[in-house]
Amino acid sequence: MVIYGIALLGICTLIGLIIGKFLGSLFGIDANVGGIGIAMFLLMYCSSSLNTKLKIGDVSEKGITFWSMIYIPIVVAMAAKQNVIGALDGGLMAIVAGIVVVVVSFLFIPIITNYKKDR
């Protein structure tokens, strides 16, 4: 059922946030250090181990798979929003640096593509 996917997601998120908060206090930072990333890895590990070690039903497996697949894009979107807000608060230099990095990345796409074709 989908509820198992939500439960697994919630447990992994809580464990990840606790570990991230602990890492932040360990490094002397008043922030969560990598808690969401830890939760993502934990969710991927738990999802794959549930499918191999425990025999769960098809409906439960589909619910867990759905929430595992939807979690990563949501976290990436949240992180991107925070980066944009941080860049706007950081001033003109942060915005210019972001634009330069994107332009250089787009310029290297044809170079990398041609390099792979030549090999």
PDB file of N, CA and C in Angstrom:
ATOM      1  N   MET A   1       0.841  -1.185   0.000  1.00  0.00           N
ATOM      2  CA  MET A   1       0.000   0.000   0.000  1.00  0.00           C
ATOM      3  C   MET A   1       0.882   1.243   0.000  1.00  0.00           C
ATOM      4  N   VAL A   2       0.327   2.336  -0.442  1.00  0.00           N
ATOM      5  CA  VAL A   2       1.059   3.595  -0.493  1.00  0.00           C
ATOM      6  C   VAL A   2       1.443   4.052   0.906  1.00  0.00           C
ATOM      7  N   ILE A   3       0.659   3.688   1.896  1.00  0.00           N
ATOM      8  CA  ILE A   3       0.928   4.115   3.275  1.00  0.00           C
ATOM      9  C   ILE A   3       2.269   3.598   3.771  1.00  0.00           C
ATOM     10  N   TYR A   4       2.673   2.392   3.302  1.00  0.00           N
ATOM     11  CA  TYR A   4       3.978   1.870   3.703  1.00  0.00           C
ATOM     12  C   TYR A   4       5.105   2.715   3.120  1.00  0.00           C
ATOM     13  N   GLY A   5       4.904   3.200   1.899  1.00  0.00           N
ATOM     14  CA  GLY A   5       5.909   4.081   1.296  1.00  0.00           C
ATOM     15  C   GLY A   5       6.035   5.385   2.060  1.00  0.00           C
ATOM     16  N   ILE A   6       4.909   5.933   2.483  1.00  0.00           N
ATOM     17  CA  ILE A   6       4.935   7.175   3.261  1.00  0.00           C
ATOM     18  C   ILE A   6       5.574   6.933   4.621  1.00  0.00           C
ATOM     19  N   ALA A   7       5.262   5.807   5.234  1.00  0.00           N
ATOM     20  CA  ALA A   7       5.856   5.488   6.538  1.00  0.00           C
ATOM     21  C   ALA A   7       7.364   5.329   6.417  1.00  0.00           C
ATOM     22  N   LEU A   8       7.811   4.614   5.404  1.00  0.00           N
ATOM     23  CA  LEU A   8       9.255   4.433   5.197  1.00  0.00           C
ATOM     24  C   LEU A   8       9.939   5.766   4.913  1.00  0.00           C
ATOM     25  N   LEU A   9       9.298   6.593   4.107  1.00  0.00           N
ATOM     26  CA  LEU A   9       9.830   7.924   3.816  1.00  0.00           C
ATOM     27  C   LEU A   9       9.942   8.758   5.083  1.00  0.00           C
ATOM     28  N   GLY A  10       8.904   8.733   5.915  1.00  0.00           N
ATOM     29  CA  GLY A  10       8.921   9.501   7.157  1.00  0.00           C
ATOM     30  C   GLY A  10       9.996   9.028   8.122  1.00  0.00           C
ATOM     31  N   ILE A  11      10.140   7.720   8.254  1.00  0.00           N
ATOM     32  CA  ILE A  11      11.165   7.176   9.156  1.00  0.00           C
ATOM     33  C   ILE A  11      12.558   7.540   8.666  1.00  0.00           C
ATOM     34  N   CYS A  12      12.807   7.370   7.367  1.00  0.00           N
ATOM     35  CA  CYS A  12      14.123   7.701   6.820  1.00  0.00           C
ATOM     36  C   CYS A  12      14.424   9.201   6.949  1.00  0.00           C
ATOM     37  N   THR A  13      13.401  10.034   6.740  1.00  0.00           N
ATOM     38  CA  THR A  13      13.600  11.479   6.867  1.00  0.00           C
ATOM     39  C   THR A  13      13.929  11.856   8.307  1.00  0.00           C
ATOM     40  N   LEU A  14      13.205  11.296   9.258  1.00  0.00           N
ATOM     41  CA  LEU A  14      13.485  11.604  10.663  1.00  0.00           C
ATOM     42  C   LEU A  14      14.889  11.146  11.070  1.00  0.00           C
ATOM     43  N   ILE A  15      15.260   9.946  10.685  1.00  0.00           N
ATOM     44  CA  ILE A  15      16.604   9.451  11.017  1.00  0.00           C
ATOM     45  C   ILE A  15      17.666  10.320  10.354  1.00  0.00           C
ATOM     46  N   GLY A  16      17.446  10.689   9.081  1.00  0.00           N
ATOM     47  CA  GLY A  16      18.402  11.549   8.382  1.00  0.00           C
ATOM     48  C   GLY A  16      18.531  12.913   9.025  1.00  0.00           C
ATOM     49  N   LEU A  17      17.414  13.505   9.439  1.00  0.00           N
ATOM     50  CA  LEU A  17      17.462  14.825  10.082  1.00  0.00           C
ATOM     51  C   LEU A  17      18.162  14.759  11.439  1.00  0.00           C
ATOM     52  N   ILE A  18      17.938  13.678  12.169  1.00  0.00           N
ATOM     53  CA  ILE A  18      18.607  13.526  13.468  1.00  0.00           C
ATOM     54  C   ILE A  18      20.113  13.381  13.276  1.00  0.00           C
ATOM     55  N   ILE A  19      20.512  12.548  12.310  1.00  0.00           N
ATOM     56  CA  ILE A  19      21.943  12.371  12.048  1.00  0.00           C
ATOM     57  C   ILE A  19      22.558  13.673  11.530  1.00  0.00           C
ATOM     58  N   GLY A  20      21.842  14.385  10.650  1.00  0.00           N
ATOM     59  CA  GLY A  20      22.340  15.659  10.131  1.00  0.00           C
ATOM     60  C   GLY A  20      22.500  16.706  11.213  1.00  0.00           C
ATOM     61  N   LYS A  21      21.553  16.754  12.133  1.00  0.00           N
ATOM     62  CA  LYS A  21      21.653  17.698  13.253  1.00  0.00           C
ATOM     63  C   LYS A  21      22.818  17.330  14.159  1.00  0.00           C
ATOM     64  N   PHE A  22      23.016  16.029  14.371  1.00  0.00           N
ATOM     65  CA  PHE A  22      24.145  15.566  15.178  1.00  0.00           C
ATOM     66  C   PHE A  22      25.477  15.924  14.511  1.00  0.00           C
ATOM     67  N   LEU A  23      25.563  15.730  13.194  1.00  0.00           N
ATOM     68  CA  LEU A  23      26.790  16.096  12.479  1.00  0.00           C
ATOM     69  C   LEU A  23      27.046  17.598  12.564  1.00  0.00           C
ATOM     70  N   GLY A  24      25.982  18.392  12.461  1.00  0.00           N
ATOM     71  CA  GLY A  24      26.129  19.836  12.581  1.00  0.00           C
ATOM     72  C   GLY A  24      26.655  20.235  13.944  1.00  0.00           C
ATOM     73  N   SER A  25      26.130  19.645  14.991  1.00  0.00           N
ATOM     74  CA  SER A  25      26.625  19.969  16.334  1.00  0.00           C
ATOM     75  C   SER A  25      28.036  19.429  16.544  1.00  0.00           C
ATOM     76  N   LEU A  26      28.357  18.315  15.896  1.00  0.00           N
ATOM     77  CA  LEU A  26      29.705  17.753  15.994  1.00  0.00           C
ATOM     78  C   LEU A  26      30.741  18.690  15.375  1.00  0.00           C
ATOM     79  N   PHE A  27      30.366  19.343  14.271  1.00  0.00           N
ATOM     80  CA  PHE A  27      31.258  20.283  13.594  1.00  0.00           C
ATOM     81  C   PHE A  27      31.141  21.706  14.125  1.00  0.00           C
ATOM     82  N   GLY A  28      30.270  21.931  15.094  1.00  0.00           N
ATOM     83  CA  GLY A  28      30.102  23.256  15.670  1.00  0.00           C
ATOM     84  C   GLY A  28      29.267  24.190  14.816  1.00  0.00           C
ATOM     85  N   ILE A  29      28.392  23.637  13.988  1.00  0.00           N
ATOM     86  CA  ILE A  29      27.531  24.422  13.105  1.00  0.00           C
ATOM     87  C   ILE A  29      26.100  24.281  13.605  1.00  0.00           C
ATOM     88  N   ASP A  30      25.399  25.388  13.699  1.00  0.00           N
ATOM     89  CA  ASP A  30      24.011  25.345  14.146  1.00  0.00           C
ATOM     90  C   ASP A  30      23.094  25.132  12.948  1.00  0.00           C
ATOM     91  N   ALA A  31      23.273  23.980  12.275  1.00  0.00           N
ATOM     92  CA  ALA A  31      22.468  23.660  11.106  1.00  0.00           C
ATOM     93  C   ALA A  31      22.467  22.149  10.894  1.00  0.00           C
ATOM     94  N   ASN A  32      21.598  21.725  10.015  1.00  0.00           N
ATOM     95  CA  ASN A  32      21.531  20.330   9.630  1.00  0.00           C
ATOM     96  C   ASN A  32      22.546  20.096   8.518  1.00  0.00           C
ATOM     97  N   VAL A  33      23.498  19.219   8.731  1.00  0.00           N
ATOM     98  CA  VAL A  33      24.560  18.981   7.758  1.00  0.00           C
ATOM     99  C   VAL A  33      24.301  17.649   7.056  1.00  0.00           C
ATOM    100  N   GLY A  34      23.730  17.715   5.875  1.00  0.00           N
ATOM    101  CA  GLY A  34      23.540  16.530   5.057  1.00  0.00           C
ATOM    102  C   GLY A  34      22.439  15.596   5.488  1.00  0.00           C
ATOM    103  N   GLY A  35      21.527  16.042   6.311  1.00  0.00           N
ATOM    104  CA  GLY A  35      20.477  15.166   6.809  1.00  0.00           C
ATOM    105  C   GLY A  35      19.551  14.652   5.717  1.00  0.00           C
ATOM    106  N   ILE A  36      19.195  15.506   4.776  1.00  0.00           N
ATOM    107  CA  ILE A  36      18.307  15.092   3.697  1.00  0.00           C
ATOM    108  C   ILE A  36      19.024  14.122   2.763  1.00  0.00           C
ATOM    109  N   GLY A  37      20.297  14.357   2.505  1.00  0.00           N
ATOM    110  CA  GLY A  37      21.074  13.419   1.693  1.00  0.00           C
ATOM    111  C   GLY A  37      21.189  12.063   2.363  1.00  0.00           C
ATOM    112  N   ILE A  38      21.421  12.070   3.662  1.00  0.00           N
ATOM    113  CA  ILE A  38      21.477  10.817   4.418  1.00  0.00           C
ATOM    114  C   ILE A  38      20.129  10.111   4.344  1.00  0.00           C
ATOM    115  N   ALA A  39      19.057  10.865   4.458  1.00  0.00           N
ATOM    116  CA  ALA A  39      17.720  10.277   4.367  1.00  0.00           C
ATOM    117  C   ALA A  39      17.478   9.672   2.987  1.00  0.00           C
ATOM    118  N   MET A  40      17.968  10.330   1.930  1.00  0.00           N
ATOM    119  CA  MET A  40      17.801   9.792   0.586  1.00  0.00           C
ATOM    120  C   MET A  40      18.539   8.475   0.433  1.00  0.00           C
ATOM    121  N   PHE A  41      19.790   8.419   0.889  1.00  0.00           N
ATOM    122  CA  PHE A  41      20.543   7.169   0.802  1.00  0.00           C
ATOM    123  C   PHE A  41      19.889   6.071   1.642  1.00  0.00           C
ATOM    124  N   LEU A  42      19.418   6.446   2.811  1.00  0.00           N
ATOM    125  CA  LEU A  42      18.753   5.483   3.689  1.00  0.00           C
ATOM    126  C   LEU A  42      17.473   4.957   3.042  1.00  0.00           C
ATOM    127  N   LEU A  43      16.721   5.833   2.399  1.00  0.00           N
ATOM    128  CA  LEU A  43      15.497   5.427   1.717  1.00  0.00           C
ATOM    129  C   LEU A  43      15.805   4.477   0.563  1.00  0.00           C
ATOM    130  N   MET A  44      16.847   4.788  -0.220  1.00  0.00           N
ATOM    131  CA  MET A  44      17.211   3.898  -1.321  1.00  0.00           C
ATOM    132  C   MET A  44      17.662   2.539  -0.798  1.00  0.00           C
ATOM    133  N   TYR A  45      18.448   2.541   0.274  1.00  0.00           N
ATOM    134  CA  TYR A  45      18.913   1.280   0.849  1.00  0.00           C
ATOM    135  C   TYR A  45      17.750   0.462   1.402  1.00  0.00           C
ATOM    136  N   CYS A  46      16.884   1.110   2.152  1.00  0.00           N
ATOM    137  CA  CYS A  46      15.747   0.397   2.747  1.00  0.00           C
ATOM    138  C   CYS A  46      14.798  -0.120   1.668  1.00  0.00           C
ATOM    139  N   SER A  47      14.587   0.665   0.622  1.00  0.00           N
ATOM    140  CA  SER A  47      13.697   0.229  -0.449  1.00  0.00           C
ATOM    141  C   SER A  47      14.237  -1.016  -1.133  1.00  0.00           C
ATOM    142  N   SER A  48      15.519  -1.010  -1.433  1.00  0.00           N
ATOM    143  CA  SER A  48      16.083  -2.169  -2.125  1.00  0.00           C
ATOM    144  C   SER A  48      16.187  -3.375  -1.197  1.00  0.00           C
ATOM    145  N   SER A  49      16.494  -3.156   0.079  1.00  0.00           N
ATOM    146  CA  SER A  49      16.609  -4.300   0.985  1.00  0.00           C
ATOM    147  C   SER A  49      15.250  -4.888   1.331  1.00  0.00           C
ATOM    148  N   LEU A  50      14.207  -4.052   1.350  1.00  0.00           N
ATOM    149  CA  LEU A  50      12.868  -4.586   1.589  1.00  0.00           C
ATOM    150  C   LEU A  50      12.435  -5.506   0.455  1.00  0.00           C
ATOM    151  N   ASN A  51      12.817  -5.140  -0.758  1.00  0.00           N
ATOM    152  CA  ASN A  51      12.430  -5.956  -1.900  1.00  0.00           C
ATOM    153  C   ASN A  51      13.197  -7.273  -1.955  1.00  0.00           C
ATOM    154  N   THR A  52      14.430  -7.280  -1.468  1.00  0.00           N
ATOM    155  CA  THR A  52      15.230  -8.503  -1.568  1.00  0.00           C
ATOM    156  C   THR A  52      15.112  -9.381  -0.323  1.00  0.00           C
ATOM    157  N   LYS A  53      15.105  -8.796   0.866  1.00  0.00           N
ATOM    158  CA  LYS A  53      15.111  -9.582   2.101  1.00  0.00           C
ATOM    159  C   LYS A  53      13.722  -9.997   2.552  1.00  0.00           C
ATOM    160  N   LEU A  54      12.779  -9.086   2.458  1.00  0.00           N
ATOM    161  CA  LEU A  54      11.420  -9.394   2.890  1.00  0.00           C
ATOM    162  C   LEU A  54      10.537  -9.559   1.666  1.00  0.00           C
ATOM    163  N   LYS A  55       9.651 -10.473   1.735  1.00  0.00           N
ATOM    164  CA  LYS A  55       8.701 -10.660   0.638  1.00  0.00           C
ATOM    165  C   LYS A  55       7.457  -9.845   0.948  1.00  0.00           C
ATOM    166  N   ILE A  56       7.411  -8.655   0.358  1.00  0.00           N
ATOM    167  CA  ILE A  56       6.247  -7.798   0.555  1.00  0.00           C
ATOM    168  C   ILE A  56       5.357  -7.918  -0.677  1.00  0.00           C
ATOM    169  N   GLY A  57       4.125  -7.558  -0.530  1.00  0.00           N
ATOM    170  CA  GLY A  57       3.178  -7.680  -1.629  1.00  0.00           C
ATOM    171  C   GLY A  57       3.447  -6.680  -2.737  1.00  0.00           C
ATOM    172  N   ASP A  58       2.834  -6.923  -3.883  1.00  0.00           N
ATOM    173  CA  ASP A  58       3.018  -6.039  -5.033  1.00  0.00           C
ATOM    174  C   ASP A  58       2.513  -4.630  -4.763  1.00  0.00           C
ATOM    175  N   VAL A  59       1.376  -4.523  -4.099  1.00  0.00           N
ATOM    176  CA  VAL A  59       0.810  -3.203  -3.817  1.00  0.00           C
ATOM    177  C   VAL A  59       1.721  -2.427  -2.877  1.00  0.00           C
ATOM    178  N   SER A  60       2.256  -3.075  -1.851  1.00  0.00           N
ATOM    179  CA  SER A  60       3.164  -2.413  -0.912  1.00  0.00           C
ATOM    180  C   SER A  60       4.455  -2.013  -1.614  1.00  0.00           C
ATOM    181  N   GLU A  61       4.949  -2.886  -2.473  1.00  0.00           N
ATOM    182  CA  GLU A  61       6.175  -2.584  -3.208  1.00  0.00           C
ATOM    183  C   GLU A  61       5.988  -1.386  -4.132  1.00  0.00           C
ATOM    184  N   LYS A  62       4.827  -1.301  -4.772  1.00  0.00           N
ATOM    185  CA  LYS A  62       4.546  -0.161  -5.648  1.00  0.00           C
ATOM    186  C   LYS A  62       4.462   1.140  -4.858  1.00  0.00           C
ATOM    187  N   GLY A  63       3.886   1.095  -3.663  1.00  0.00           N
ATOM    188  CA  GLY A  63       3.813   2.296  -2.829  1.00  0.00           C
ATOM    189  C   GLY A  63       5.186   2.764  -2.384  1.00  0.00           C
ATOM    190  N   ILE A  64       6.029   1.828  -1.995  1.00  0.00           N
ATOM    191  CA  ILE A  64       7.393   2.181  -1.574  1.00  0.00           C
ATOM    192  C   ILE A  64       8.186   2.708  -2.757  1.00  0.00           C
ATOM    193  N   THR A  65       8.050   2.073  -3.911  1.00  0.00           N
ATOM    194  CA  THR A  65       8.762   2.520  -5.113  1.00  0.00           C
ATOM    195  C   THR A  65       8.306   3.910  -5.526  1.00  0.00           C
ATOM    196  N   PHE A  66       7.004   4.166  -5.454  1.00  0.00           N
ATOM    197  CA  PHE A  66       6.488   5.488  -5.826  1.00  0.00           C
ATOM    198  C   PHE A  66       7.111   6.581  -4.971  1.00  0.00           C
ATOM    199  N   TRP A  67       7.092   6.407  -3.655  1.00  0.00           N
ATOM    200  CA  TRP A  67       7.620   7.444  -2.785  1.00  0.00           C
ATOM    201  C   TRP A  67       9.134   7.538  -2.870  1.00  0.00           C
ATOM    202  N   SER A  68       9.806   6.443  -3.181  1.00  0.00           N
ATOM    203  CA  SER A  68      11.254   6.504  -3.375  1.00  0.00           C
ATOM    204  C   SER A  68      11.591   7.329  -4.615  1.00  0.00           C
ATOM    205  N   MET A  69      10.792   7.157  -5.678  1.00  0.00           N
ATOM    206  CA  MET A  69      11.073   7.879  -6.916  1.00  0.00           C
ATOM    207  C   MET A  69      10.667   9.343  -6.827  1.00  0.00           C
ATOM    208  N   ILE A  70       9.635   9.662  -6.081  1.00  0.00           N
ATOM    209  CA  ILE A  70       9.153  11.039  -6.011  1.00  0.00           C
ATOM    210  C   ILE A  70       9.968  11.884  -5.028  1.00  0.00           C
ATOM    211  N   TYR A  71      10.638  11.238  -4.100  1.00  0.00           N
ATOM    212  CA  TYR A  71      11.353  11.950  -3.032  1.00  0.00           C
ATOM    213  C   TYR A  71      12.547  12.731  -3.575  1.00  0.00           C
ATOM    214  N   ILE A  72      13.325  12.123  -4.441  1.00  0.00           N
ATOM    215  CA  ILE A  72      14.549  12.766  -4.928  1.00  0.00           C
ATOM    216  C   ILE A  72      14.244  14.036  -5.720  1.00  0.00           C
ATOM    217  N   PRO A  73      13.310  14.046  -6.688  1.00  0.00           N
ATOM    218  CA  PRO A  73      13.026  15.315  -7.381  1.00  0.00           C
ATOM    219  C   PRO A  73      12.513  16.416  -6.461  1.00  0.00           C
ATOM    220  N   ILE A  74      11.737  16.048  -5.451  1.00  0.00           N
ATOM    221  CA  ILE A  74      11.237  17.057  -4.518  1.00  0.00           C
ATOM    222  C   ILE A  74      12.386  17.679  -3.744  1.00  0.00           C
ATOM    223  N   VAL A  75      13.313  16.857  -3.280  1.00  0.00           N
ATOM    224  CA  VAL A  75      14.456  17.379  -2.522  1.00  0.00           C
ATOM    225  C   VAL A  75      15.347  18.241  -3.407  1.00  0.00           C
ATOM    226  N   VAL A  76      15.560  17.825  -4.648  1.00  0.00           N
ATOM    227  CA  VAL A  76      16.375  18.627  -5.565  1.00  0.00           C
ATOM    228  C   VAL A  76      15.710  19.975  -5.825  1.00  0.00           C
ATOM    229  N   ALA A  77      14.402  19.986  -6.000  1.00  0.00           N
ATOM    230  CA  ALA A  77      13.692  21.248  -6.224  1.00  0.00           C
ATOM    231  C   ALA A  77      13.780  22.156  -4.998  1.00  0.00           C
ATOM    232  N   MET A  78      13.664  21.575  -3.805  1.00  0.00           N
ATOM    233  CA  MET A  78      13.774  22.382  -2.588  1.00  0.00           C
ATOM    234  C   MET A  78      15.184  22.962  -2.446  1.00  0.00           C
ATOM    235  N   ALA A  79      16.194  22.161  -2.738  1.00  0.00           N
ATOM    236  CA  ALA A  79      17.571  22.645  -2.631  1.00  0.00           C
ATOM    237  C   ALA A  79      17.842  23.734  -3.669  1.00  0.00           C
ATOM    238  N   ALA A  80      17.311  23.570  -4.880  1.00  0.00           N
ATOM    239  CA  ALA A  80      17.504  24.587  -5.913  1.00  0.00           C
ATOM    240  C   ALA A  80      16.857  25.900  -5.505  1.00  0.00           C
ATOM    241  N   LYS A  81      15.687  25.834  -4.898  1.00  0.00           N
ATOM    242  CA  LYS A  81      15.010  27.053  -4.440  1.00  0.00           C
ATOM    243  C   LYS A  81      15.841  27.749  -3.366  1.00  0.00           C
ATOM    244  N   GLN A  82      16.398  26.971  -2.454  1.00  0.00           N
ATOM    245  CA  GLN A  82      17.237  27.569  -1.409  1.00  0.00           C
ATOM    246  C   GLN A  82      18.491  28.198  -2.007  1.00  0.00           C
ATOM    247  N   ASN A  83      19.067  27.558  -3.023  1.00  0.00           N
ATOM    248  CA  ASN A  83      20.262  28.116  -3.652  1.00  0.00           C
ATOM    249  C   ASN A  83      19.951  29.432  -4.358  1.00  0.00           C
ATOM    250  N   VAL A  84      18.800  29.519  -5.011  1.00  0.00           N
ATOM    251  CA  VAL A  84      18.418  30.756  -5.690  1.00  0.00           C
ATOM    252  C   VAL A  84      18.183  31.857  -4.673  1.00  0.00           C
ATOM    253  N   ILE A  85      17.491  31.551  -3.594  1.00  0.00           N
ATOM    254  CA  ILE A  85      17.237  32.554  -2.557  1.00  0.00           C
ATOM    255  C   ILE A  85      18.566  32.999  -1.936  1.00  0.00           C
ATOM    256  N   GLY A  86      19.464  32.060  -1.699  1.00  0.00           N
ATOM    257  CA  GLY A  86      20.779  32.406  -1.151  1.00  0.00           C
ATOM    258  C   GLY A  86      21.576  33.272  -2.107  1.00  0.00           C
ATOM    259  N   ALA A  87      21.471  32.977  -3.409  1.00  0.00           N
ATOM    260  CA  ALA A  87      22.194  33.777  -4.396  1.00  0.00           C
ATOM    261  C   ALA A  87      21.637  35.196  -4.465  1.00  0.00           C
ATOM    262  N   LEU A  88      20.325  35.319  -4.388  1.00  0.00           N
ATOM    263  CA  LEU A  88      19.728  36.655  -4.426  1.00  0.00           C
ATOM    264  C   LEU A  88      20.101  37.452  -3.185  1.00  0.00           C
ATOM    265  N   ASP A  89      20.169  36.774  -2.039  1.00  0.00           N
ATOM    266  CA  ASP A  89      20.591  37.456  -0.810  1.00  0.00           C
ATOM    267  C   ASP A  89      22.089  37.744  -0.816  1.00  0.00           C
ATOM    268  N   GLY A  90      22.849  36.921  -1.538  1.00  0.00           N
ATOM    269  CA  GLY A  90      24.311  37.063  -1.559  1.00  0.00           C
ATOM    270  C   GLY A  90      24.789  38.245  -2.373  1.00  0.00           C
ATOM    271  N   GLY A  91      23.955  38.770  -3.227  1.00  0.00           N
ATOM    272  CA  GLY A  91      24.334  39.944  -3.990  1.00  0.00           C
ATOM    273  C   GLY A  91      24.646  39.631  -5.446  1.00  0.00           C
ATOM    274  N   LEU A  92      25.166  40.629  -6.116  1.00  0.00           N
ATOM    275  CA  LEU A  92      25.413  40.555  -7.555  1.00  0.00           C
ATOM    276  C   LEU A  92      26.487  39.536  -7.902  1.00  0.00           C
ATOM    277  N   MET A  93      27.502  39.400  -7.085  1.00  0.00           N
ATOM    278  CA  MET A  93      28.600  38.487  -7.405  1.00  0.00           C
ATOM    279  C   MET A  93      28.125  37.035  -7.454  1.00  0.00           C
ATOM    280  N   ALA A  94      27.236  36.647  -6.565  1.00  0.00           N
ATOM    281  CA  ALA A  94      26.711  35.278  -6.570  1.00  0.00           C
ATOM    282  C   ALA A  94      25.877  35.019  -7.820  1.00  0.00           C
ATOM    283  N   ILE A  95      25.115  36.001  -8.248  1.00  0.00           N
ATOM    284  CA  ILE A  95      24.292  35.850  -9.453  1.00  0.00           C
ATOM    285  C   ILE A  95      25.178  35.751 -10.685  1.00  0.00           C
ATOM    286  N   VAL A  96      26.186  36.599 -10.781  1.00  0.00           N
ATOM    287  CA  VAL A  96      27.113  36.567 -11.922  1.00  0.00           C
ATOM    288  C   VAL A  96      27.867  35.240 -11.959  1.00  0.00           C
ATOM    289  N   ALA A  97      28.307  34.755 -10.819  1.00  0.00           N
ATOM    290  CA  ALA A  97      29.024  33.477 -10.772  1.00  0.00           C
ATOM    291  C   ALA A  97      28.122  32.343 -11.242  1.00  0.00           C
ATOM    292  N   GLY A  98      26.861  32.343 -10.841  1.00  0.00           N
ATOM    293  CA  GLY A  98      25.925  31.314 -11.284  1.00  0.00           C
ATOM    294  C   GLY A  98      25.692  31.354 -12.780  1.00  0.00           C
ATOM    295  N   ILE A  99      25.541  32.554 -13.332  1.00  0.00           N
ATOM    296  CA  ILE A  99      25.323  32.694 -14.772  1.00  0.00           C
ATOM    297  C   ILE A  99      26.545  32.223 -15.551  1.00  0.00           C
ATOM    298  N   VAL A 100      27.739  32.591 -15.093  1.00  0.00           N
ATOM    299  CA  VAL A 100      28.975  32.184 -15.775  1.00  0.00           C
ATOM    300  C   VAL A 100      29.118  30.659 -15.778  1.00  0.00           C
ATOM    301  N   VAL A 101      28.831  30.030 -14.662  1.00  0.00           N
ATOM    302  CA  VAL A 101      28.946  28.571 -14.582  1.00  0.00           C
ATOM    303  C   VAL A 101      27.978  27.894 -15.549  1.00  0.00           C
ATOM    304  N   VAL A 102      26.751  28.385 -15.634  1.00  0.00           N
ATOM    305  CA  VAL A 102      25.771  27.793 -16.553  1.00  0.00           C
ATOM    306  C   VAL A 102      26.203  27.984 -18.004  1.00  0.00           C
ATOM    307  N   VAL A 103      26.679  29.177 -18.361  1.00  0.00           N
ATOM    308  CA  VAL A 103      27.114  29.443 -19.735  1.00  0.00           C
ATOM    309  C   VAL A 103      28.302  28.563 -20.106  1.00  0.00           C
ATOM    310  N   VAL A 104      29.274  28.449 -19.222  1.00  0.00           N
ATOM    311  CA  VAL A 104      30.445  27.607 -19.499  1.00  0.00           C
ATOM    312  C   VAL A 104      30.024  26.146 -19.637  1.00  0.00           C
ATOM    313  N   SER A 105      29.101  25.705 -18.824  1.00  0.00           N
ATOM    314  CA  SER A 105      28.612  24.327 -18.924  1.00  0.00           C
ATOM    315  C   SER A 105      27.955  24.079 -20.277  1.00  0.00           C
ATOM    316  N   PHE A 106      27.140  25.016 -20.732  1.00  0.00           N
ATOM    317  CA  PHE A 106      26.498  24.857 -22.030  1.00  0.00           C
ATOM    318  C   PHE A 106      27.516  24.876 -23.160  1.00  0.00           C
ATOM    319  N   LEU A 107      28.583  25.651 -23.020  1.00  0.00           N
ATOM    320  CA  LEU A 107      29.614  25.697 -24.058  1.00  0.00           C
ATOM    321  C   LEU A 107      30.389  24.380 -24.140  1.00  0.00           C
ATOM    322  N   PHE A 108      30.531  23.685 -23.035  1.00  0.00           N
ATOM    323  CA  PHE A 108      31.295  22.438 -23.029  1.00  0.00           C
ATOM    324  C   PHE A 108      30.499  21.236 -23.512  1.00  0.00           C
ATOM    325  N   ILE A 109      29.203  21.338 -23.618  1.00  0.00           N
ATOM    326  CA  ILE A 109      28.393  20.198 -24.074  1.00  0.00           C
ATOM    327  C   ILE A 109      28.789  19.753 -25.482  1.00  0.00           C
ATOM    328  N   PRO A 110      28.896  20.660 -26.484  1.00  0.00           N
ATOM    329  CA  PRO A 110      29.309  20.198 -27.818  1.00  0.00           C
ATOM    330  C   PRO A 110      30.743  19.643 -27.837  1.00  0.00           C
ATOM    331  N   ILE A 111      31.604  20.213 -27.026  1.00  0.00           N
ATOM    332  CA  ILE A 111      32.991  19.744 -26.983  1.00  0.00           C
ATOM    333  C   ILE A 111      33.047  18.308 -26.457  1.00  0.00           C
ATOM    334  N   ILE A 112      32.316  18.044 -25.381  1.00  0.00           N
ATOM    335  CA  ILE A 112      32.301  16.697 -24.806  1.00  0.00           C
ATOM    336  C   ILE A 112      31.624  15.714 -25.752  1.00  0.00           C
ATOM    337  N   THR A 113      30.552  16.148 -26.401  1.00  0.00           N
ATOM    338  CA  THR A 113      29.851  15.271 -27.342  1.00  0.00           C
ATOM    339  C   THR A 113      30.749  14.892 -28.511  1.00  0.00           C
ATOM    340  N   ASN A 114      31.478  15.844 -29.074  1.00  0.00           N
ATOM    341  CA  ASN A 114      32.392  15.554 -30.181  1.00  0.00           C
ATOM    342  C   ASN A 114      33.559  14.698 -29.731  1.00  0.00           C
ATOM    343  N   TYR A 115      34.007  14.872 -28.526  1.00  0.00           N
ATOM    344  CA  TYR A 115      35.113  14.070 -27.994  1.00  0.00           C
ATOM    345  C   TYR A 115      34.711  12.609 -27.898  1.00  0.00           C
ATOM    346  N   LYS A 116      33.498  12.336 -27.477  1.00  0.00           N
ATOM    347  CA  LYS A 116      33.028  10.946 -27.376  1.00  0.00           C
ATOM    348  C   LYS A 116      32.867  10.330 -28.755  1.00  0.00           C
ATOM    349  N   LYS A 117      32.438  11.097 -29.751  1.00  0.00           N
ATOM    350  CA  LYS A 117      32.281  10.564 -31.097  1.00  0.00           C
ATOM    351  C   LYS A 117      33.619  10.229 -31.725  1.00  0.00           C
ATOM    352  N   ASP A 118      34.646  11.037 -31.436  1.00  0.00           N
ATOM    353  CA  ASP A 118      35.969  10.803 -31.994  1.00  0.00           C
ATOM    354  C   ASP A 118      36.605   9.529 -31.451  1.00  0.00           C
ATOM    355  N   ARG A 119      36.296   9.177 -30.249  1.00  0.00           N
ATOM    356  CA  ARG A 119      36.896   7.978 -29.640  1.00  0.00           C
ATOM    357  C   ARG A 119      36.160   6.805 -30.142  1.00  0.00           C
TER     358      ARG A 119
END
